Every structure is written in structure tokens, then in C-alpha cells.
Amino acid sequence: MGCNTKKDKKDLIRIVKNKENQISIDRTGKKEGRGAYICDDIQCLEKVIKSKRLEKVLDIKISEEIYESLRGVILDK
């Protein structure tokens, strides 16, 4: 989503919006709901945050908490 390069799904992080409009990080790729994928790279995440692309794809305002959680997941690899 950030860098627009093709990668295997296992190399990406999935963000899911469920029916209750809750956003969560799905490392298994099996949670139910509308999903979007981003690279496991901090630079891609920063591009996504700056462009608000994740908000546009999932059609919901993303809280700073979610972005901080994503940073934590990426930096913990």
C-alpha cells in the first residue's frame, strides 16, 4: 500500500476493519472483515500515514493508537 511493490502476503501486515468498525492488526491473515495490507517496513508505514491511504481504503478514521501499534509490530520484527 505504501510502496506499491508486489510481495507475498506472508511478508505483509494485514489491517482489518470488522463489522463493528473496529480496526485491528491481523498477523494470521484469518480475521473476518475488510482487510488492507502494508509492507513490514517503517518507511512504507510512514508513507501510508502521511497520505492517509489506509483511511481511504478502509473508509474510516484511523486512530493514532493503531498507527503506534503498527509501528511496534514493524519495529519488533
N, C-alpha and C. Protein backbone atom coordinates (compact mmCIF):
# COMPACT_ATOMS: atom_id res chain seq x y z
N MET A 1 0.82 -1.18 0.00
CA MET A 1 0.00 0.00 0.00
C MET A 1 0.87 1.26 0.00
N GLY A 2 1.98 1.22 0.72
CA GLY A 2 2.83 2.40 0.80
C GLY A 2 3.78 2.53 -0.37
N CYS A 3 4.46 1.42 -0.71
CA CYS A 3 5.48 1.50 -1.75
C CYS A 3 5.02 0.91 -3.08
N ASN A 4 3.86 0.26 -3.09
CA ASN A 4 3.27 -0.31 -4.30
C ASN A 4 4.14 -1.38 -4.97
N THR A 5 4.91 -2.11 -4.18
CA THR A 5 5.67 -3.23 -4.73
C THR A 5 4.92 -4.52 -4.43
N LYS A 6 5.07 -5.49 -5.32
CA LYS A 6 4.40 -6.78 -5.13
C LYS A 6 5.23 -7.66 -4.21
N LYS A 7 4.56 -8.20 -3.19
CA LYS A 7 5.21 -9.09 -2.24
C LYS A 7 4.25 -10.20 -1.87
N ASP A 8 4.76 -11.28 -1.31
CA ASP A 8 3.90 -12.35 -0.81
C ASP A 8 3.10 -11.85 0.39
N LYS A 9 1.91 -12.38 0.55
CA LYS A 9 1.06 -11.96 1.67
C LYS A 9 1.74 -12.22 3.01
N LYS A 10 2.54 -13.28 3.08
CA LYS A 10 3.19 -13.60 4.35
C LYS A 10 4.24 -12.56 4.74
N ASP A 11 4.66 -11.74 3.79
CA ASP A 11 5.64 -10.68 4.05
C ASP A 11 4.97 -9.35 4.38
N LEU A 12 3.64 -9.34 4.43
CA LEU A 12 2.89 -8.11 4.66
C LEU A 12 2.14 -8.17 5.99
N ILE A 13 1.71 -7.02 6.45
CA ILE A 13 0.89 -6.92 7.66
C ILE A 13 -0.53 -6.58 7.21
N ARG A 14 -1.50 -7.31 7.73
CA ARG A 14 -2.90 -7.07 7.38
C ARG A 14 -3.58 -6.26 8.48
N ILE A 15 -4.29 -5.23 8.06
CA ILE A 15 -5.08 -4.41 8.96
C ILE A 15 -6.54 -4.67 8.60
N VAL A 16 -7.37 -4.95 9.59
CA VAL A 16 -8.75 -5.37 9.35
C VAL A 16 -9.74 -4.41 10.00
N LYS A 17 -10.82 -4.12 9.27
CA LYS A 17 -11.96 -3.40 9.83
C LYS A 17 -13.11 -4.40 9.89
N ASN A 18 -13.61 -4.67 11.09
CA ASN A 18 -14.69 -5.64 11.23
C ASN A 18 -16.05 -4.97 11.07
N LYS A 19 -17.12 -5.75 11.25
CA LYS A 19 -18.49 -5.23 11.06
C LYS A 19 -18.84 -4.13 12.05
N GLU A 20 -18.18 -4.12 13.22
CA GLU A 20 -18.43 -3.09 14.23
C GLU A 20 -17.54 -1.87 14.01
N ASN A 21 -16.86 -1.80 12.86
CA ASN A 21 -15.95 -0.70 12.51
C ASN A 21 -14.77 -0.59 13.47
N GLN A 22 -14.33 -1.71 14.01
CA GLN A 22 -13.13 -1.73 14.85
C GLN A 22 -11.94 -2.12 13.99
N ILE A 23 -10.84 -1.44 14.20
CA ILE A 23 -9.63 -1.70 13.44
C ILE A 23 -8.69 -2.55 14.29
N SER A 24 -8.10 -3.57 13.67
CA SER A 24 -7.14 -4.40 14.39
C SER A 24 -6.06 -4.88 13.43
N ILE A 25 -4.95 -5.30 14.00
CA ILE A 25 -3.83 -5.83 13.23
C ILE A 25 -3.99 -7.35 13.20
N ASP A 26 -3.93 -7.92 12.01
CA ASP A 26 -4.17 -9.35 11.83
C ASP A 26 -2.89 -10.01 11.31
N ARG A 27 -2.12 -10.57 12.21
CA ARG A 27 -0.88 -11.25 11.82
C ARG A 27 -1.15 -12.64 11.22
N THR A 28 -2.32 -13.22 11.48
CA THR A 28 -2.64 -14.55 10.97
C THR A 28 -3.22 -14.49 9.56
N GLY A 29 -3.83 -13.37 9.20
CA GLY A 29 -4.48 -13.25 7.89
C GLY A 29 -5.83 -13.94 7.84
N LYS A 30 -6.40 -14.27 8.99
CA LYS A 30 -7.64 -15.03 9.03
C LYS A 30 -8.80 -14.32 9.71
N LYS A 31 -8.58 -13.13 10.25
CA LYS A 31 -9.67 -12.42 10.91
C LYS A 31 -10.71 -12.01 9.87
N GLU A 32 -11.95 -11.98 10.31
CA GLU A 32 -13.05 -11.62 9.42
C GLU A 32 -13.14 -10.11 9.28
N GLY A 33 -13.44 -9.65 8.07
CA GLY A 33 -13.63 -8.22 7.84
C GLY A 33 -12.88 -7.74 6.62
N ARG A 34 -13.00 -6.47 6.36
CA ARG A 34 -12.33 -5.82 5.23
C ARG A 34 -10.87 -5.62 5.59
N GLY A 35 -9.98 -6.11 4.75
CA GLY A 35 -8.56 -6.03 5.06
C GLY A 35 -7.78 -5.18 4.08
N ALA A 36 -6.68 -4.66 4.57
CA ALA A 36 -5.72 -3.93 3.75
C ALA A 36 -4.33 -4.39 4.17
N TYR A 37 -3.41 -4.42 3.24
CA TYR A 37 -2.06 -4.92 3.51
C TYR A 37 -1.03 -3.81 3.37
N ILE A 38 -0.07 -3.81 4.28
CA ILE A 38 1.06 -2.89 4.16
C ILE A 38 2.35 -3.68 4.35
N CYS A 39 3.43 -3.15 3.81
CA CYS A 39 4.74 -3.78 3.95
C CYS A 39 5.18 -3.77 5.40
N ASP A 40 6.00 -4.72 5.74
CA ASP A 40 6.58 -4.81 7.08
C ASP A 40 7.81 -3.90 7.13
N ASP A 41 7.60 -2.62 6.78
CA ASP A 41 8.69 -1.65 6.66
C ASP A 41 8.21 -0.30 7.20
N ILE A 42 8.99 0.29 8.07
CA ILE A 42 8.60 1.54 8.72
C ILE A 42 8.43 2.68 7.71
N GLN A 43 9.24 2.69 6.64
CA GLN A 43 9.12 3.75 5.64
C GLN A 43 7.79 3.66 4.90
N CYS A 44 7.35 2.45 4.60
CA CYS A 44 6.03 2.28 3.96
C CYS A 44 4.93 2.74 4.89
N LEU A 45 5.03 2.40 6.16
CA LEU A 45 4.03 2.83 7.12
C LEU A 45 3.95 4.35 7.19
N GLU A 46 5.09 5.01 7.23
CA GLU A 46 5.09 6.47 7.30
C GLU A 46 4.45 7.08 6.06
N LYS A 47 4.68 6.49 4.88
CA LYS A 47 4.03 6.97 3.65
C LYS A 47 2.52 6.82 3.74
N VAL A 48 2.08 5.67 4.27
CA VAL A 48 0.65 5.40 4.41
C VAL A 48 0.01 6.39 5.37
N ILE A 49 0.69 6.68 6.47
CA ILE A 49 0.17 7.64 7.44
C ILE A 49 0.07 9.04 6.83
N LYS A 50 1.12 9.45 6.15
CA LYS A 50 1.17 10.79 5.57
C LYS A 50 0.08 10.98 4.50
N SER A 51 -0.11 9.97 3.68
CA SER A 51 -1.09 10.07 2.59
C SER A 51 -2.51 9.72 3.02
N LYS A 52 -2.65 9.20 4.25
CA LYS A 52 -3.95 8.75 4.79
C LYS A 52 -4.57 7.68 3.89
N ARG A 53 -3.73 6.92 3.24
CA ARG A 53 -4.20 5.90 2.30
C ARG A 53 -4.98 4.78 2.99
N LEU A 54 -4.53 4.39 4.17
CA LEU A 54 -5.23 3.35 4.91
C LEU A 54 -6.65 3.79 5.27
N GLU A 55 -6.80 5.04 5.64
CA GLU A 55 -8.12 5.58 5.97
C GLU A 55 -9.02 5.57 4.74
N LYS A 56 -8.46 5.87 3.59
CA LYS A 56 -9.25 5.89 2.35
C LYS A 56 -9.67 4.47 1.96
N VAL A 57 -8.76 3.52 2.08
CA VAL A 57 -9.06 2.15 1.70
C VAL A 57 -10.11 1.52 2.61
N LEU A 58 -9.96 1.72 3.92
CA LEU A 58 -10.90 1.14 4.87
C LEU A 58 -12.11 2.03 5.14
N ASP A 59 -12.08 3.24 4.62
CA ASP A 59 -13.19 4.20 4.74
C ASP A 59 -13.56 4.45 6.20
N ILE A 60 -12.53 4.72 7.00
CA ILE A 60 -12.74 5.01 8.43
C ILE A 60 -11.53 5.79 8.94
N LYS A 61 -11.76 6.63 9.93
CA LYS A 61 -10.67 7.38 10.57
C LYS A 61 -9.85 6.41 11.42
N ILE A 62 -8.54 6.40 11.22
CA ILE A 62 -7.63 5.52 11.95
C ILE A 62 -7.02 6.32 13.11
N SER A 63 -7.13 5.77 14.31
CA SER A 63 -6.60 6.47 15.48
C SER A 63 -5.08 6.37 15.54
N GLU A 64 -4.48 7.30 16.25
CA GLU A 64 -3.02 7.29 16.43
C GLU A 64 -2.59 6.03 17.17
N GLU A 65 -3.46 5.49 18.01
CA GLU A 65 -3.17 4.23 18.73
C GLU A 65 -2.86 3.09 17.77
N ILE A 66 -3.66 2.98 16.73
CA ILE A 66 -3.48 1.92 15.73
C ILE A 66 -2.15 2.11 15.01
N TYR A 67 -1.85 3.35 14.64
CA TYR A 67 -0.57 3.61 13.97
C TYR A 67 0.61 3.29 14.89
N GLU A 68 0.48 3.61 16.17
CA GLU A 68 1.55 3.28 17.12
C GLU A 68 1.70 1.76 17.26
N SER A 69 0.59 1.04 17.27
CA SER A 69 0.64 -0.42 17.34
C SER A 69 1.33 -0.99 16.10
N LEU A 70 1.03 -0.42 14.94
CA LEU A 70 1.69 -0.86 13.72
C LEU A 70 3.19 -0.60 13.77
N ARG A 71 3.56 0.56 14.27
CA ARG A 71 5.00 0.86 14.41
C ARG A 71 5.66 -0.17 15.31
N GLY A 72 4.99 -0.51 16.40
CA GLY A 72 5.52 -1.51 17.32
C GLY A 72 5.69 -2.86 16.67
N VAL A 73 4.70 -3.28 15.90
CA VAL A 73 4.78 -4.58 15.20
C VAL A 73 5.93 -4.58 14.21
N ILE A 74 6.09 -3.49 13.49
CA ILE A 74 7.15 -3.43 12.47
C ILE A 74 8.52 -3.37 13.13
N LEU A 75 8.67 -2.59 14.18
CA LEU A 75 9.97 -2.44 14.82
C LEU A 75 10.38 -3.67 15.63
N ASP A 76 9.41 -4.51 16.02
CA ASP A 76 9.69 -5.71 16.81
C ASP A 76 10.13 -6.90 15.97
N LYS A 77 10.16 -6.77 14.66
CA LYS A 77 10.47 -7.94 13.83
C LYS A 77 11.83 -8.52 14.04
